[in-house]
Full PDB file with SEQRES, HELIX, SHEET, SSBOND, CRYST1, ORIGX, SCALE, CONECT and MASTER records, all heavy atoms in Angstrom:
SEQRES   1 A   36  ALA ALA THR GLY CYS GLY ILE ARG PRO THR GLY VAL THR          
SEQRES   2 A   36  ASP GLY GLY THR ALA PRO SER GLY ILE SER GLN GLY MET          
SEQRES   3 A   36  ARG VAL TYR PHE ALA SER ASP ARG GLY PRO                      
CRYST1    1.000    1.000    1.000  90.00  90.00  90.00 P 1           1          
ORIGX1      1.000000  0.000000  0.000000        0.00000                         
ORIGX2      0.000000  1.000000  0.000000        0.00000                         
ORIGX3      0.000000  0.000000  1.000000        0.00000                         
SCALE1      1.000000  0.000000  0.000000        0.00000                         
SCALE2      0.000000  1.000000  0.000000        0.00000                         
SCALE3      0.000000  0.000000  1.000000        0.00000                         
ATOM      1  N   ALA A   1     227.838  96.525 225.939  1.00  0.00           N  
ATOM      2  CA  ALA A   1     228.312  95.142 225.980  1.00  0.00           C  
ATOM      3  C   ALA A   1     227.647  94.387 227.125  1.00  0.00           C  
ATOM      4  O   ALA A   1     227.334  93.200 227.002  1.00  0.00           O  
ATOM      5  CB  ALA A   1     229.829  95.099 226.113  1.00  0.00           C  
ATOM      6  N   ALA A   2     227.425  95.060 228.237  1.00  0.00           N  
ATOM      7  CA  ALA A   2     226.816  94.411 229.398  1.00  0.00           C  
ATOM      8  C   ALA A   2     225.340  94.105 229.171  1.00  0.00           C  
ATOM      9  O   ALA A   2     224.794  93.168 229.746  1.00  0.00           O  
ATOM     10  CB  ALA A   2     226.986  95.283 230.631  1.00  0.00           C  
ATOM     11  N   THR A   3     224.665  94.865 228.329  1.00  0.00           N  
ATOM     12  CA  THR A   3     223.240  94.632 228.101  1.00  0.00           C  
ATOM     13  C   THR A   3     222.993  93.593 227.016  1.00  0.00           C  
ATOM     14  O   THR A   3     221.871  93.137 226.845  1.00  0.00           O  
ATOM     15  CB  THR A   3     222.521  95.938 227.706  1.00  0.00           C  
ATOM     16  OG1 THR A   3     223.105  96.434 226.504  1.00  0.00           O  
ATOM     17  CG2 THR A   3     222.590  96.959 228.811  1.00  0.00           C  
ATOM     18  N   GLY A   4     224.026  93.180 226.278  1.00  0.00           N  
ATOM     19  CA  GLY A   4     223.859  92.147 225.250  1.00  0.00           C  
ATOM     20  C   GLY A   4     223.183  92.708 224.031  1.00  0.00           C  
ATOM     21  O   GLY A   4     223.265  93.883 223.726  1.00  0.00           O  
ATOM     22  N   CYS A   5     222.484  91.866 223.310  1.00  0.00           N  
ATOM     23  CA  CYS A   5     221.878  92.285 222.050  1.00  0.00           C  
ATOM     24  C   CYS A   5     220.425  92.683 222.207  1.00  0.00           C  
ATOM     25  O   CYS A   5     219.721  92.864 221.224  1.00  0.00           O  
ATOM     26  CB  CYS A   5     222.009  91.164 221.009  1.00  0.00           C  
ATOM     27  SG  CYS A   5     221.182  89.648 221.512  1.00  0.00           S  
ATOM     28  N   GLY A   6     219.946  92.775 223.421  1.00  0.00           N  
ATOM     29  CA  GLY A   6     218.576  93.209 223.626  1.00  0.00           C  
ATOM     30  C   GLY A   6     217.581  92.066 223.723  1.00  0.00           C  
ATOM     31  O   GLY A   6     216.396  92.295 223.924  1.00  0.00           O  
ATOM     32  N   ILE A   7     218.012  90.833 223.588  1.00  0.00           N  
ATOM     33  CA  ILE A   7     217.108  89.689 223.719  1.00  0.00           C  
ATOM     34  C   ILE A   7     217.079  89.285 225.181  1.00  0.00           C  
ATOM     35  O   ILE A   7     218.098  89.012 225.795  1.00  0.00           O  
ATOM     36  CB  ILE A   7     217.582  88.498 222.854  1.00  0.00           C  
ATOM     37  CG1 ILE A   7     217.581  88.909 221.390  1.00  0.00           C  
ATOM     38  CG2 ILE A   7     216.719  87.279 223.101  1.00  0.00           C  
ATOM     39  CD1 ILE A   7     218.149  87.860 220.463  1.00  0.00           C  
ATOM     40  N   ARG A   8     215.909  89.278 225.715  1.00  0.00           N  
ATOM     41  CA  ARG A   8     215.753  88.946 227.122  1.00  0.00           C  
ATOM     42  C   ARG A   8     215.733  87.424 227.293  1.00  0.00           C  
ATOM     43  O   ARG A   8     215.243  86.703 226.437  1.00  0.00           O  
ATOM     44  CB  ARG A   8     214.459  89.540 227.651  1.00  0.00           C  
ATOM     45  CG  ARG A   8     214.385  91.047 227.453  1.00  0.00           C  
ATOM     46  CD  ARG A   8     213.833  91.696 228.700  1.00  0.00           C  
ATOM     47  NE  ARG A   8     213.673  93.112 228.510  1.00  0.00           N  
ATOM     48  CZ  ARG A   8     214.579  93.994 228.908  1.00  0.00           C  
ATOM     49  NH1 ARG A   8     215.667  93.622 229.505  1.00  0.00           N  
ATOM     50  NH2 ARG A   8     214.365  95.271 228.724  1.00  0.00           N  
ATOM     51  N   PRO A   9     216.283  86.927 228.384  1.00  0.00           N  
ATOM     52  CA  PRO A   9     216.278  85.480 228.609  1.00  0.00           C  
ATOM     53  C   PRO A   9     214.860  84.957 228.813  1.00  0.00           C  
ATOM     54  O   PRO A   9     213.989  85.652 229.318  1.00  0.00           O  
ATOM     55  CB  PRO A   9     217.114  85.319 229.875  1.00  0.00           C  
ATOM     56  CG  PRO A   9     217.106  86.639 230.548  1.00  0.00           C  
ATOM     57  CD  PRO A   9     216.897  87.677 229.481  1.00  0.00           C  
ATOM     58  N   THR A  10     214.664  83.727 228.377  1.00  0.00           N  
ATOM     59  CA  THR A  10     213.367  83.067 228.565  1.00  0.00           C  
ATOM     60  C   THR A  10     213.597  81.769 229.314  1.00  0.00           C  
ATOM     61  O   THR A  10     214.720  81.306 229.455  1.00  0.00           O  
ATOM     62  CB  THR A  10     212.709  82.735 227.211  1.00  0.00           C  
ATOM     63  OG1 THR A  10     213.549  81.820 226.516  1.00  0.00           O  
ATOM     64  CG2 THR A  10     212.481  83.970 226.380  1.00  0.00           C  
ATOM     65  N   GLY A  11     212.525  81.164 229.727  1.00  0.00           N  
ATOM     66  CA  GLY A  11     212.618  79.853 230.356  1.00  0.00           C  
ATOM     67  C   GLY A  11     212.802  78.791 229.287  1.00  0.00           C  
ATOM     68  O   GLY A  11     212.943  79.079 228.103  1.00  0.00           O  
ATOM     69  N   VAL A  12     212.797  77.556 229.705  1.00  0.00           N  
ATOM     70  CA  VAL A  12     212.936  76.446 228.779  1.00  0.00           C  
ATOM     71  C   VAL A  12     211.684  76.369 227.911  1.00  0.00           C  
ATOM     72  O   VAL A  12     210.571  76.466 228.405  1.00  0.00           O  
ATOM     73  CB  VAL A  12     213.128  75.117 229.553  1.00  0.00           C  
ATOM     74  CG1 VAL A  12     213.175  73.938 228.607  1.00  0.00           C  
ATOM     75  CG2 VAL A  12     214.373  75.184 230.403  1.00  0.00           C  
ATOM     76  N   THR A  13     211.886  76.232 226.602  1.00  0.00           N  
ATOM     77  CA  THR A  13     210.746  76.119 225.691  1.00  0.00           C  
ATOM     78  C   THR A  13     210.723  74.733 225.071  1.00  0.00           C  
ATOM     79  O   THR A  13     211.756  74.093 224.910  1.00  0.00           O  
ATOM     80  CB  THR A  13     210.823  77.164 224.559  1.00  0.00           C  
ATOM     81  OG1 THR A  13     212.037  76.982 223.844  1.00  0.00           O  
ATOM     82  CG2 THR A  13     210.765  78.578 225.111  1.00  0.00           C  
ATOM     83  N   ASP A  14     209.543  74.274 224.716  1.00  0.00           N  
ATOM     84  CA  ASP A  14     209.371  72.969 224.102  1.00  0.00           C  
ATOM     85  C   ASP A  14     209.461  73.109 222.597  1.00  0.00           C  
ATOM     86  O   ASP A  14     208.682  73.830 221.988  1.00  0.00           O  
ATOM     87  CB  ASP A  14     208.025  72.384 224.495  1.00  0.00           C  
ATOM     88  CG  ASP A  14     207.779  71.010 223.896  1.00  0.00           C  
ATOM     89  OD1 ASP A  14     208.758  70.345 223.516  1.00  0.00           O  
ATOM     90  OD2 ASP A  14     206.608  70.600 223.824  1.00  0.00           O  
ATOM     91  N   GLY A  15     210.419  72.430 222.000  1.00  0.00           N  
ATOM     92  CA  GLY A  15     210.595  72.483 220.553  1.00  0.00           C  
ATOM     93  C   GLY A  15     209.859  71.369 219.833  1.00  0.00           C  
ATOM     94  O   GLY A  15     210.027  71.181 218.645  1.00  0.00           O  
ATOM     95  N   GLY A  16     209.053  70.606 220.567  1.00  0.00           N  
ATOM     96  CA  GLY A  16     208.339  69.496 219.945  1.00  0.00           C  
ATOM     97  C   GLY A  16     209.179  68.234 219.980  1.00  0.00           C  
ATOM     98  O   GLY A  16     210.245  68.182 220.590  1.00  0.00           O  
ATOM     99  N   THR A  17     208.697  67.207 219.312  1.00  0.00           N  
ATOM    100  CA  THR A  17     209.427  65.944 219.302  1.00  0.00           C  
ATOM    101  C   THR A  17     210.608  66.031 218.351  1.00  0.00           C  
ATOM    102  O   THR A  17     210.540  66.678 217.309  1.00  0.00           O  
ATOM    103  CB  THR A  17     208.514  64.782 218.877  1.00  0.00           C  
ATOM    104  OG1 THR A  17     208.003  65.064 217.583  1.00  0.00           O  
ATOM    105  CG2 THR A  17     207.379  64.589 219.857  1.00  0.00           C  
ATOM    106  N   ALA A  18     211.664  65.377 218.720  1.00  0.00           N  
ATOM    107  CA  ALA A  18     212.861  65.364 217.891  1.00  0.00           C  
ATOM    108  C   ALA A  18     212.639  64.458 216.692  1.00  0.00           C  
ATOM    109  O   ALA A  18     211.949  63.447 216.785  1.00  0.00           O  
ATOM    110  CB  ALA A  18     214.047  64.865 218.700  1.00  0.00           C  
ATOM    111  N   PRO A  19     213.207  64.799 215.543  1.00  0.00           N  
ATOM    112  CA  PRO A  19     213.082  63.913 214.391  1.00  0.00           C  
ATOM    113  C   PRO A  19     213.759  62.587 214.687  1.00  0.00           C  
ATOM    114  O   PRO A  19     214.835  62.549 215.268  1.00  0.00           O  
ATOM    115  CB  PRO A  19     213.785  64.652 213.259  1.00  0.00           C  
ATOM    116  CG  PRO A  19     214.351  65.893 213.827  1.00  0.00           C  
ATOM    117  CD  PRO A  19     213.968  65.988 215.258  1.00  0.00           C  
ATOM    118  N   SER A  20     213.121  61.513 214.266  1.00  0.00           N  
ATOM    119  CA  SER A  20     213.675  60.191 214.559  1.00  0.00           C  
ATOM    120  C   SER A  20     214.616  59.723 213.474  1.00  0.00           C  
ATOM    121  O   SER A  20     215.375  58.805 213.678  1.00  0.00           O  
ATOM    122  CB  SER A  20     212.534  59.176 214.706  1.00  0.00           C  
ATOM    123  OG  SER A  20     211.882  59.014 213.462  1.00  0.00           O  
ATOM    124  N   GLY A  21     214.560  60.289 212.282  1.00  0.00           N  
ATOM    125  CA  GLY A  21     215.414  59.862 211.194  1.00  0.00           C  
ATOM    126  C   GLY A  21     214.818  58.719 210.390  1.00  0.00           C  
ATOM    127  O   GLY A  21     215.335  58.347 209.366  1.00  0.00           O  
ATOM    128  N   ILE A  22     213.757  58.130 210.880  1.00  0.00           N  
ATOM    129  CA  ILE A  22     213.125  57.025 210.172  1.00  0.00           C  
ATOM    130  C   ILE A  22     211.769  57.503 209.682  1.00  0.00           C  
ATOM    131  O   ILE A  22     210.954  57.985 210.451  1.00  0.00           O  
ATOM    132  CB  ILE A  22     212.957  55.802 211.092  1.00  0.00           C  
ATOM    133  CG1 ILE A  22     214.331  55.346 211.569  1.00  0.00           C  
ATOM    134  CG2 ILE A  22     212.220  54.696 210.383  1.00  0.00           C  
ATOM    135  CD1 ILE A  22     214.280  54.267 212.609  1.00  0.00           C  
ATOM    136  N   SER A  23     211.553  57.372 208.393  1.00  0.00           N  
ATOM    137  CA  SER A  23     210.305  57.842 207.821  1.00  0.00           C  
ATOM    138  C   SER A  23     209.147  56.968 208.285  1.00  0.00           C  
ATOM    139  O   SER A  23     209.325  55.838 208.712  1.00  0.00           O  
ATOM    140  CB  SER A  23     210.390  57.829 206.297  1.00  0.00           C  
ATOM    141  OG  SER A  23     210.588  56.504 205.849  1.00  0.00           O  
ATOM    142  N   GLN A  24     207.975  57.496 208.190  1.00  0.00           N  
ATOM    143  CA  GLN A  24     206.768  56.772 208.562  1.00  0.00           C  
ATOM    144  C   GLN A  24     206.160  56.147 207.313  1.00  0.00           C  
ATOM    145  O   GLN A  24     206.276  56.665 206.221  1.00  0.00           O  
ATOM    146  CB  GLN A  24     205.757  57.737 209.204  1.00  0.00           C  
ATOM    147  CG  GLN A  24     206.288  58.423 210.441  1.00  0.00           C  
ATOM    148  CD  GLN A  24     206.612  57.452 211.557  1.00  0.00           C  
ATOM    149  OE1 GLN A  24     205.807  56.598 211.884  1.00  0.00           O  
ATOM    150  NE2 GLN A  24     207.796  57.571 212.117  1.00  0.00           N  
ATOM    151  N   GLY A  25     205.495  55.032 207.483  1.00  0.00           N  
ATOM    152  CA  GLY A  25     204.794  54.407 206.371  1.00  0.00           C  
ATOM    153  C   GLY A  25     205.702  53.619 205.456  1.00  0.00           C  
ATOM    154  O   GLY A  25     206.914  53.512 205.639  1.00  0.00           O  
ATOM    155  N   MET A  26     205.093  53.046 204.440  1.00  0.00           N  
ATOM    156  CA  MET A  26     205.799  52.172 203.507  1.00  0.00           C  
ATOM    157  C   MET A  26     206.677  52.964 202.552  1.00  0.00           C  
ATOM    158  O   MET A  26     206.324  54.048 202.121  1.00  0.00           O  
ATOM    159  CB  MET A  26     204.765  51.345 202.732  1.00  0.00           C  
ATOM    160  CG  MET A  26     205.344  50.238 201.909  1.00  0.00           C  
ATOM    161  SD  MET A  26     206.265  49.074 202.912  1.00  0.00           S  
ATOM    162  CE  MET A  26     207.373  48.426 201.701  1.00  0.00           C  
ATOM    163  N   ARG A  27     207.831  52.416 202.254  1.00  0.00           N  
ATOM    164  CA  ARG A  27     208.741  52.941 201.242  1.00  0.00           C  
ATOM    165  C   ARG A  27     209.060  51.807 200.293  1.00  0.00           C  
ATOM    166  O   ARG A  27     209.271  50.680 200.711  1.00  0.00           O  
ATOM    167  CB  ARG A  27     210.036  53.469 201.863  1.00  0.00           C  
ATOM    168  CG  ARG A  27     209.819  54.732 202.677  1.00  0.00           C  
ATOM    169  CD  ARG A  27     211.120  55.301 203.192  1.00  0.00           C  
ATOM    170  NE  ARG A  27     211.975  55.883 202.170  1.00  0.00           N  
ATOM    171  CZ  ARG A  27     211.781  57.038 201.553  1.00  0.00           C  
ATOM    172  NH1 ARG A  27     210.716  57.740 201.834  1.00  0.00           N  
ATOM    173  NH2 ARG A  27     212.634  57.485 200.668  1.00  0.00           N  
ATOM    174  N   VAL A  28     209.115  52.123 199.018  1.00  0.00           N  
ATOM    175  CA  VAL A  28     209.474  51.162 197.989  1.00  0.00           C  
ATOM    176  C   VAL A  28     210.743  51.685 197.331  1.00  0.00           C  
ATOM    177  O   VAL A  28     210.874  52.888 197.084  1.00  0.00           O  
ATOM    178  CB  VAL A  28     208.338  51.014 196.951  1.00  0.00           C  
ATOM    179  CG1 VAL A  28     208.700  50.021 195.881  1.00  0.00           C  
ATOM    180  CG2 VAL A  28     207.044  50.605 197.642  1.00  0.00           C  
ATOM    181  N   TYR A  29     211.666  50.794 197.046  1.00  0.00           N  
ATOM    182  CA  TYR A  29     212.954  51.187 196.475  1.00  0.00           C  
ATOM    183  C   TYR A  29     213.013  50.796 195.001  1.00  0.00           C  
ATOM    184  O   TYR A  29     212.676  49.678 194.633  1.00  0.00           O  
ATOM    185  CB  TYR A  29     214.100  50.539 197.249  1.00  0.00           C  
ATOM    186  CG  TYR A  29     214.269  51.173 198.603  1.00  0.00           C  
ATOM    187  CD1 TYR A  29     213.406  50.839 199.643  1.00  0.00           C  
ATOM    188  CD2 TYR A  29     215.239  52.133 198.832  1.00  0.00           C  
ATOM    189  CE1 TYR A  29     213.531  51.442 200.888  1.00  0.00           C  
ATOM    190  CE2 TYR A  29     215.375  52.737 200.065  1.00  0.00           C  
ATOM    191  CZ  TYR A  29     214.516  52.390 201.086  1.00  0.00           C  
ATOM    192  OH  TYR A  29     214.633  53.003 202.316  1.00  0.00           O  
ATOM    193  N   PHE A  30     213.445  51.768 194.179  1.00  0.00           N  
ATOM    194  CA  PHE A  30     213.604  51.556 192.749  1.00  0.00           C  
ATOM    195  C   PHE A  30     215.033  51.919 192.346  1.00  0.00           C  
ATOM    196  O   PHE A  30     215.729  52.654 193.048  1.00  0.00           O  
ATOM    197  CB  PHE A  30     212.605  52.406 191.957  1.00  0.00           C  
ATOM    198  CG  PHE A  30     211.182  52.002 192.187  1.00  0.00           C  
ATOM    199  CD1 PHE A  30     210.311  52.828 192.857  1.00  0.00           C  
ATOM    200  CD2 PHE A  30     210.708  50.768 191.746  1.00  0.00           C  
ATOM    201  CE1 PHE A  30     208.992  52.449 193.083  1.00  0.00           C  
ATOM    202  CE2 PHE A  30     209.402  50.381 191.967  1.00  0.00           C  
ATOM    203  CZ  PHE A  30     208.547  51.218 192.639  1.00  0.00           C  
ATOM    204  N   ALA A  31     215.456  51.397 191.213  1.00  0.00           N  
ATOM    205  CA  ALA A  31     216.798  51.647 190.719  1.00  0.00           C  
ATOM    206  C   ALA A  31     216.905  53.070 190.173  1.00  0.00           C  
ATOM    207  O   ALA A  31     215.951  53.606 189.601  1.00  0.00           O  
ATOM    208  CB  ALA A  31     217.147  50.638 189.627  1.00  0.00           C  
ATOM    209  N   SER A  32     218.082  53.666 190.365  1.00  0.00           N  
ATOM    210  CA  SER A  32     218.375  54.991 189.810  1.00  0.00           C  
ATOM    211  C   SER A  32     219.836  54.996 189.373  1.00  0.00           C  
ATOM    212  O   SER A  32     220.560  54.034 189.601  1.00  0.00           O  
ATOM    213  CB  SER A  32     218.119  56.086 190.850  1.00  0.00           C  
ATOM    214  OG  SER A  32     219.160  56.129 191.802  1.00  0.00           O  
ATOM    215  N   ASP A  33     220.279  56.100 188.808  1.00  0.00           N  
ATOM    216  CA  ASP A  33     221.672  56.177 188.376  1.00  0.00           C  
ATOM    217  C   ASP A  33     222.647  56.226 189.546  1.00  0.00           C  
ATOM    218  O   ASP A  33     223.841  56.091 189.366  1.00  0.00           O  
ATOM    219  CB  ASP A  33     221.886  57.369 187.441  1.00  0.00           C  
ATOM    220  CG  ASP A  33     221.566  58.703 188.080  1.00  0.00           C  
ATOM    221  OD1 ASP A  33     220.972  58.722 189.181  1.00  0.00           O  
ATOM    222  OD2 ASP A  33     221.893  59.742 187.485  1.00  0.00           O  
ATOM    223  N   ARG A  34     222.139  56.382 190.766  1.00  0.00           N  
ATOM    224  CA  ARG A  34     222.994  56.425 191.959  1.00  0.00           C  
ATOM    225  C   ARG A  34     222.725  55.270 192.918  1.00  0.00           C  
ATOM    226  O   ARG A  34     223.124  55.308 194.054  1.00  0.00           O  
ATOM    227  CB  ARG A  34     222.798  57.745 192.681  1.00  0.00           C  
ATOM    228  CG  ARG A  34     223.244  58.931 191.825  1.00  0.00           C  
ATOM    229  CD  ARG A  34     223.296  60.185 192.597  1.00  0.00           C  
ATOM    230  NE  ARG A  34     224.084  59.959 193.805  1.00  0.00           N  
ATOM    231  CZ  ARG A  34     224.132  60.794 194.817  1.00  0.00           C  
ATOM    232  NH1 ARG A  34     223.444  61.893 194.780  1.00  0.00           N  
ATOM    233  NH2 ARG A  34     224.851  60.520 195.881  1.00  0.00           N  
ATOM    234  N   GLY A  35     222.014  54.248 192.469  1.00  0.00           N  
ATOM    235  CA  GLY A  35     221.693  53.119 193.330  1.00  0.00           C  
ATOM    236  C   GLY A  35     220.235  53.153 193.735  1.00  0.00           C  
ATOM    237  O   GLY A  35     219.480  54.054 193.342  1.00  0.00           O  
ATOM    238  N   PRO A  36     219.809  52.169 194.527  1.00  0.00           N  
ATOM    239  CA  PRO A  36     218.400  52.126 194.927  1.00  0.00           C  
ATOM    240  C   PRO A  36     217.986  53.392 195.674  1.00  0.00           C  
ATOM    241  O   PRO A  36     218.736  53.906 196.503  1.00  0.00           O  
ATOM    242  CB  PRO A  36     218.333  50.910 195.855  1.00  0.00           C  
ATOM    243  CG  PRO A  36     219.513  50.088 195.490  1.00  0.00           C  
ATOM    244  CD  PRO A  36     220.571  51.049 195.053  1.00  0.00           C  
TER     245      PRO A  36                                                      
MASTER        0    0    0    0    0    0    0    6  244    1    0    3          
END                                                                             
């Protein structure tokens, strides 16, 4: 229990840029059975 699961601690790692939630480039909206 004191040794944990065998994974050794690491320093801070860079996961890259966070997703912004907004797509890039042009989007066009069309009608569907659930709305645009």
